[in-house]
């Protein structure tokens, strides 16, 4: 075997190892994060089918807690709908991206905490601060913000424990009920 062939083989092995590591799951805080996106990882509207890497401090448990609060103490479904796809003359859709605010977790949390006055909402109603009853704690608004962050970035809820009425891809939920994202 020539030196050139050995060098090419070593270079190819290095590229394959690097690519494999990049495409493999990332670990953060004991949770398996999704792999980098490929063209097939997006739906016809350009929305990801895979949950992206979570921001520092966010966990799947936080997202699941926010999902529950969205439908209960937060009262968010009243205006944004049970599937967070918006309701006429009430709340905007949260599932196809957030066009009205920066999509960072902190910005979403700030918006939920502060609310939106009626003239700014462009609807006949305001978004109350800290949920429908204005009673959510700091931790609760942060959890709902994590849930909104996730559903604004990914088609459906392809993480274990996602709301059962939202999954159109049941296979995405198969597996342990732990904190492992696809």
Foldseek 3Di string as FASTA:
>chain_A
DDPVVVVVVVVVVVVVVVVVVQQAWDDDPNETAHGDDDPVQADPLRFGAFFHDAPPPDFVVLLLLLLVCCVPVQVVCVACNNLSCGDPLGDHRLQQADPPWPLDLVGQLVCQQCWAQPVVRVHNHTGDHNGPVNDHDSSNSSSNSSNSSRNNRHQFDLFANGDVVGDPPVVSRPDDSDRYTD
